[in-house]
Amino acid sequence: MRFDVSVSNKQIEQEMANLQARMTRGRHALGNLPLMDVQFPHMEFRVRKIAREQRVYAIDTGTGLLVGYSVFDILPEGSRRLHGTVRSVHSRYTAPYQGRGIASALYTKVLSDGFVLVSGARQSRAAYALWKSLGRRMRFEVVKITPETIEPLKISERDNRFHDLDVRLQLCAP
């Protein structure tokens, strides 16, 4: 796993504005997407399924603005029997909404629904902090992803193997 993802807050704000502009009308308008039952003050979550992934959009109910999203993607690697329950996830939220627990609430909901979350091969330091925080309440493991399996690894961040691209973090409900 590498910690080399760095997207500026300005880039994220522009991406959210572009997404919101694109999703104002039509079949995939944010308001037409099904609601996801996540309890978070002044936020609603809308779900869109696209091929192998599920996108969850976070909307501030006071302003009506799209403030972030999380993408839950079926892993192409690992055992086929896991494809129904394991999701690789990544998220982006605008600066005023970062660190407020929105992604944590959403990930907790997905985990409580019986899914297993696996990080991407690359993360930001903030994403890693989120995973470690959730790991204090959930089952948290370092795993190696191969084309056939997902194997637990008994290593720490200090181990050189931790920085291999086939090493990921995994969260499961307790």
C-alpha atoms as a PDB file:
ATOM      1  CA  MET A   1       0.000   0.000   0.000  1.00  0.00           C
ATOM      2  CA  ARG A   2       1.288   3.405  -0.861  1.00  0.00           C
ATOM      3  CA  PHE A   3       0.421   6.772   0.634  1.00  0.00           C
ATOM      4  CA  ASP A   4       0.822   8.842  -2.492  1.00  0.00           C
ATOM      5  CA  VAL A   5      -2.695  10.081  -3.203  1.00  0.00           C
ATOM      6  CA  SER A   6      -2.898  13.838  -3.003  1.00  0.00           C
ATOM      7  CA  VAL A   7      -5.830  15.727  -4.471  1.00  0.00           C
ATOM      8  CA  SER A   8      -6.169  19.410  -3.655  1.00  0.00           C
ATOM      9  CA  ASN A   9      -9.311  20.711  -2.018  1.00  0.00           C
ATOM     10  CA  LYS A  10      -9.756  23.021  -4.990  1.00  0.00           C
ATOM     11  CA  GLN A  11      -9.767  20.007  -7.363  1.00  0.00           C
ATOM     12  CA  ILE A  12     -12.339  18.231  -5.167  1.00  0.00           C
ATOM     13  CA  GLU A  13     -14.596  21.303  -5.041  1.00  0.00           C
ATOM     14  CA  GLN A  14     -14.422  21.624  -8.832  1.00  0.00           C
ATOM     15  CA  GLU A  15     -15.192  17.915  -9.269  1.00  0.00           C
ATOM     16  CA  MET A  16     -18.270  18.199  -6.987  1.00  0.00           C
ATOM     17  CA  ALA A  17     -19.504  21.292  -8.830  1.00  0.00           C
ATOM     18  CA  ASN A  18     -19.078  19.542 -12.194  1.00  0.00           C
ATOM     19  CA  LEU A  19     -20.845  16.399 -10.937  1.00  0.00           C
ATOM     20  CA  GLN A  20     -23.725  18.393  -9.502  1.00  0.00           C
ATOM     21  CA  ALA A  21     -24.112  20.361 -12.743  1.00  0.00           C
ATOM     22  CA  ARG A  22     -24.131  17.117 -14.755  1.00  0.00           C
ATOM     23  CA  MET A  23     -26.605  15.442 -12.402  1.00  0.00           C
ATOM     24  CA  THR A  24     -29.301  18.126 -12.173  1.00  0.00           C
ATOM     25  CA  ARG A  25     -31.818  16.496 -14.512  1.00  0.00           C
ATOM     26  CA  GLY A  26     -32.545  13.302 -16.302  1.00  0.00           C
ATOM     27  CA  ARG A  27     -32.660   9.738 -15.151  1.00  0.00           C
ATOM     28  CA  HIS A  28     -29.526  10.092 -13.026  1.00  0.00           C
ATOM     29  CA  ALA A  29     -30.422  13.404 -11.398  1.00  0.00           C
ATOM     30  CA  LEU A  30     -29.336  13.401  -7.765  1.00  0.00           C
ATOM     31  CA  GLY A  31     -32.910  13.986  -6.588  1.00  0.00           C
ATOM     32  CA  ASN A  32     -34.155  10.969  -8.550  1.00  0.00           C
ATOM     33  CA  LEU A  33     -31.635   8.521  -7.098  1.00  0.00           C
ATOM     34  CA  PRO A  34     -32.770   6.247  -4.254  1.00  0.00           C
ATOM     35  CA  LEU A  35     -32.024   7.339  -0.714  1.00  0.00           C
ATOM     36  CA  MET A  36     -29.643   5.270   1.407  1.00  0.00           C
ATOM     37  CA  ASP A  37     -30.608   4.935   5.064  1.00  0.00           C
ATOM     38  CA  VAL A  38     -27.595   6.537   6.760  1.00  0.00           C
ATOM     39  CA  GLN A  39     -28.232   8.629   9.823  1.00  0.00           C
ATOM     40  CA  PHE A  40     -26.158  11.801   9.725  1.00  0.00           C
ATOM     41  CA  PRO A  41     -27.385  15.298  10.673  1.00  0.00           C
ATOM     42  CA  HIS A  42     -28.245  17.586   7.771  1.00  0.00           C
ATOM     43  CA  MET A  43     -27.061  15.093   5.163  1.00  0.00           C
ATOM     44  CA  GLU A  44     -28.782  12.746   2.773  1.00  0.00           C
ATOM     45  CA  PHE A  45     -27.167   9.985   0.788  1.00  0.00           C
ATOM     46  CA  ARG A  46     -28.241   9.037  -2.733  1.00  0.00           C
ATOM     47  CA  VAL A  47     -27.198   5.767  -4.411  1.00  0.00           C
ATOM     48  CA  ARG A  48     -26.384   5.053  -8.040  1.00  0.00           C
ATOM     49  CA  LYS A  49     -25.355   1.615  -9.275  1.00  0.00           C
ATOM     50  CA  ILE A  50     -23.060   1.564 -12.290  1.00  0.00           C
ATOM     51  CA  ALA A  51     -21.887  -1.840 -13.584  1.00  0.00           C
ATOM     52  CA  ARG A  52     -19.690  -3.289 -10.814  1.00  0.00           C
ATOM     53  CA  GLU A  53     -19.794  -0.302  -8.517  1.00  0.00           C
ATOM     54  CA  GLN A  54     -22.129   1.553  -6.244  1.00  0.00           C
ATOM     55  CA  ARG A  55     -21.688   5.308  -5.867  1.00  0.00           C
ATOM     56  CA  VAL A  56     -23.081   7.024  -2.802  1.00  0.00           C
ATOM     57  CA  TYR A  57     -23.439  10.801  -3.072  1.00  0.00           C
ATOM     58  CA  ALA A  58     -23.548  12.967   0.071  1.00  0.00           C
ATOM     59  CA  ILE A  59     -25.798  16.024  -0.180  1.00  0.00           C
ATOM     60  CA  ASP A  60     -26.070  18.815   2.392  1.00  0.00           C
ATOM     61  CA  THR A  61     -29.828  19.105   2.998  1.00  0.00           C
ATOM     62  CA  GLY A  62     -29.529  22.762   4.044  1.00  0.00           C
ATOM     63  CA  THR A  63     -27.797  23.968   0.900  1.00  0.00           C
ATOM     64  CA  GLY A  64     -28.723  21.219  -1.544  1.00  0.00           C
ATOM     65  CA  LEU A  65     -25.048  20.961  -2.516  1.00  0.00           C
ATOM     66  CA  LEU A  66     -23.246  17.760  -3.413  1.00  0.00           C
ATOM     67  CA  VAL A  67     -20.398  17.716  -0.878  1.00  0.00           C
ATOM     68  CA  GLY A  68     -18.803  14.349  -1.555  1.00  0.00           C
ATOM     69  CA  TYR A  69     -19.115  10.769  -2.624  1.00  0.00           C
ATOM     70  CA  SER A  70     -17.893   7.267  -1.882  1.00  0.00           C
ATOM     71  CA  VAL A  71     -17.472   4.547  -4.500  1.00  0.00           C
ATOM     72  CA  PHE A  72     -17.862   0.897  -3.480  1.00  0.00           C
ATOM     73  CA  ASP A  73     -16.411  -1.283  -6.238  1.00  0.00           C
ATOM     74  CA  ILE A  74     -16.375  -5.070  -6.642  1.00  0.00           C
ATOM     75  CA  LEU A  75     -12.784  -6.273  -6.481  1.00  0.00           C
ATOM     76  CA  PRO A  76     -11.534  -7.751  -9.729  1.00  0.00           C
ATOM     77  CA  GLU A  77      -9.042  -9.777  -7.699  1.00  0.00           C
ATOM     78  CA  GLY A  78      -9.676 -12.402  -5.041  1.00  0.00           C
ATOM     79  CA  SER A  79     -11.935 -15.394  -4.958  1.00  0.00           C
ATOM     80  CA  ARG A  80     -15.126 -15.208  -7.026  1.00  0.00           C
ATOM     81  CA  ARG A  81     -17.087 -16.352  -3.984  1.00  0.00           C
ATOM     82  CA  LEU A  82     -16.145 -13.050  -2.301  1.00  0.00           C
ATOM     83  CA  HIS A  83     -17.407 -10.807  -5.102  1.00  0.00           C
ATOM     84  CA  GLY A  84     -20.839 -10.472  -3.541  1.00  0.00           C
ATOM     85  CA  THR A  85     -19.546  -9.213  -0.211  1.00  0.00           C
ATOM     86  CA  VAL A  86     -16.159  -7.503  -0.646  1.00  0.00           C
ATOM     87  CA  ARG A  87     -15.944  -3.931  -1.881  1.00  0.00           C
ATOM     88  CA  SER A  88     -12.965  -1.717  -2.565  1.00  0.00           C
ATOM     89  CA  VAL A  89     -13.800   1.816  -1.526  1.00  0.00           C
ATOM     90  CA  HIS A  90     -12.578   5.335  -2.128  1.00  0.00           C
ATOM     91  CA  SER A  91     -14.091   8.670  -1.159  1.00  0.00           C
ATOM     92  CA  ARG A  92     -13.809  12.375  -1.799  1.00  0.00           C
ATOM     93  CA  TYR A  93     -15.393  15.138   0.270  1.00  0.00           C
ATOM     94  CA  THR A  94     -15.049  18.901   0.035  1.00  0.00           C
ATOM     95  CA  ALA A  95     -12.896  20.610   2.667  1.00  0.00           C
ATOM     96  CA  PRO A  96     -15.700  21.913   4.946  1.00  0.00           C
ATOM     97  CA  TYR A  97     -17.080  18.352   5.212  1.00  0.00           C
ATOM     98  CA  GLN A  98     -13.797  16.504   5.761  1.00  0.00           C
ATOM     99  CA  GLY A  99     -13.129  15.185   9.249  1.00  0.00           C
ATOM    100  CA  ARG A 100     -16.785  15.416  10.324  1.00  0.00           C
ATOM    101  CA  GLY A 101     -17.423  11.672  10.343  1.00  0.00           C
ATOM    102  CA  ILE A 102     -19.472  11.481   7.144  1.00  0.00           C
ATOM    103  CA  ALA A 103     -17.351   8.780   5.465  1.00  0.00           C
ATOM    104  CA  SER A 104     -17.060   6.970   8.804  1.00  0.00           C
ATOM    105  CA  ALA A 105     -20.867   6.867   9.165  1.00  0.00           C
ATOM    106  CA  LEU A 106     -21.274   5.656   5.593  1.00  0.00           C
ATOM    107  CA  TYR A 107     -18.578   2.958   5.891  1.00  0.00           C
ATOM    108  CA  THR A 108     -20.089   1.798   9.201  1.00  0.00           C
ATOM    109  CA  LYS A 109     -23.497   1.461   7.530  1.00  0.00           C
ATOM    110  CA  VAL A 110     -22.060  -0.588   4.647  1.00  0.00           C
ATOM    111  CA  LEU A 111     -20.130  -2.796   7.088  1.00  0.00           C
ATOM    112  CA  SER A 112     -23.258  -3.322   9.230  1.00  0.00           C
ATOM    113  CA  ASP A 113     -25.091  -4.414   6.062  1.00  0.00           C
ATOM    114  CA  GLY A 114     -22.671  -7.363   5.861  1.00  0.00           C
ATOM    115  CA  PHE A 115     -20.099  -6.101   3.396  1.00  0.00           C
ATOM    116  CA  VAL A 116     -16.339  -6.285   3.835  1.00  0.00           C
ATOM    117  CA  LEU A 117     -14.353  -3.214   2.797  1.00  0.00           C
ATOM    118  CA  VAL A 118     -10.887  -3.319   1.271  1.00  0.00           C
ATOM    119  CA  SER A 119      -8.808  -0.214   0.695  1.00  0.00           C
ATOM    120  CA  GLY A 120      -7.272   0.716  -2.592  1.00  0.00           C
ATOM    121  CA  ALA A 121      -3.591   0.098  -3.294  1.00  0.00           C
ATOM    122  CA  ARG A 122      -2.958   3.805  -2.825  1.00  0.00           C
ATOM    123  CA  GLN A 123      -4.350   6.091  -0.148  1.00  0.00           C
ATOM    124  CA  SER A 124      -3.938   9.546   1.283  1.00  0.00           C
ATOM    125  CA  ARG A 125      -2.714   9.867   4.859  1.00  0.00           C
ATOM    126  CA  ALA A 126      -6.201  11.144   5.816  1.00  0.00           C
ATOM    127  CA  ALA A 127      -7.818   8.010   4.360  1.00  0.00           C
ATOM    128  CA  TYR A 128      -5.378   5.823   6.281  1.00  0.00           C
ATOM    129  CA  ALA A 129      -6.272   7.686   9.487  1.00  0.00           C
ATOM    130  CA  LEU A 130      -9.975   7.002   8.797  1.00  0.00           C
ATOM    131  CA  TRP A 131      -9.301   3.276   8.311  1.00  0.00           C
ATOM    132  CA  LYS A 132      -7.236   3.084  11.510  1.00  0.00           C
ATOM    133  CA  SER A 133      -9.982   4.912  13.408  1.00  0.00           C
ATOM    134  CA  LEU A 134     -12.643   2.491  12.131  1.00  0.00           C
ATOM    135  CA  GLY A 135     -10.247  -0.353  12.928  1.00  0.00           C
ATOM    136  CA  ARG A 136     -10.592   0.430  16.633  1.00  0.00           C
ATOM    137  CA  ARG A 137     -14.306  -0.479  16.406  1.00  0.00           C
ATOM    138  CA  MET A 138     -14.312  -3.030  13.589  1.00  0.00           C
ATOM    139  CA  ARG A 139     -12.272  -6.066  12.658  1.00  0.00           C
ATOM    140  CA  PHE A 140      -9.197  -4.575  10.965  1.00  0.00           C
ATOM    141  CA  GLU A 141      -6.545  -6.509   9.055  1.00  0.00           C
ATOM    142  CA  VAL A 142      -3.711  -6.011   6.638  1.00  0.00           C
ATOM    143  CA  VAL A 143      -4.297  -8.317   3.663  1.00  0.00           C
ATOM    144  CA  LYS A 144      -2.559  -9.363   0.476  1.00  0.00           C
ATOM    145  CA  ILE A 145      -4.707  -9.376  -2.660  1.00  0.00           C
ATOM    146  CA  THR A 146      -3.900 -12.004  -5.281  1.00  0.00           C
ATOM    147  CA  PRO A 147      -5.883 -12.997  -8.376  1.00  0.00           C
ATOM    148  CA  GLU A 148      -7.309 -15.965  -6.434  1.00  0.00           C
ATOM    149  CA  THR A 149      -7.476 -14.940  -2.778  1.00  0.00           C
ATOM    150  CA  ILE A 150      -7.428 -12.314  -0.089  1.00  0.00           C
ATOM    151  CA  GLU A 151      -4.904 -13.460   2.537  1.00  0.00           C
ATOM    152  CA  PRO A 152      -4.397 -11.920   5.989  1.00  0.00           C
ATOM    153  CA  LEU A 153      -0.852 -10.695   6.621  1.00  0.00           C
ATOM    154  CA  LYS A 154       0.642 -10.380  10.088  1.00  0.00           C
ATOM    155  CA  ILE A 155       2.671  -7.257   9.356  1.00  0.00           C
ATOM    156  CA  SER A 156       2.704  -3.629  10.474  1.00  0.00           C
ATOM    157  CA  GLU A 157       3.239  -0.371   8.627  1.00  0.00           C
ATOM    158  CA  ARG A 158       6.933  -0.597   9.580  1.00  0.00           C
ATOM    159  CA  ASP A 159       7.375  -3.788   7.525  1.00  0.00           C
ATOM    160  CA  ASN A 160       8.758  -3.080   4.019  1.00  0.00           C
ATOM    161  CA  ARG A 161       6.118  -5.415   2.519  1.00  0.00           C
ATOM    162  CA  PHE A 162       3.392  -3.059   3.805  1.00  0.00           C
ATOM    163  CA  HIS A 163       4.172  -0.681   0.935  1.00  0.00           C
ATOM    164  CA  ASP A 164       3.647  -3.270  -1.839  1.00  0.00           C
ATOM    165  CA  LEU A 165       0.724  -2.504  -4.147  1.00  0.00           C
ATOM    166  CA  ASP A 166      -0.921  -5.877  -3.481  1.00  0.00           C
ATOM    167  CA  VAL A 167      -1.144  -5.086   0.260  1.00  0.00           C
ATOM    168  CA  ARG A 168      -4.395  -3.482   1.400  1.00  0.00           C
ATOM    169  CA  LEU A 169      -6.412  -2.812   4.522  1.00  0.00           C
ATOM    170  CA  GLN A 170      -9.573  -4.746   5.254  1.00  0.00           C
ATOM    171  CA  LEU A 171     -12.479  -3.845   7.538  1.00  0.00           C
ATOM    172  CA  CYS A 172     -15.225  -6.225   8.662  1.00  0.00           C
ATOM    173  CA  ALA A 173     -18.093  -5.811  11.088  1.00  0.00           C
ATOM    174  CA  PRO A 174     -17.126  -7.037  14.575  1.00  0.00           C
END
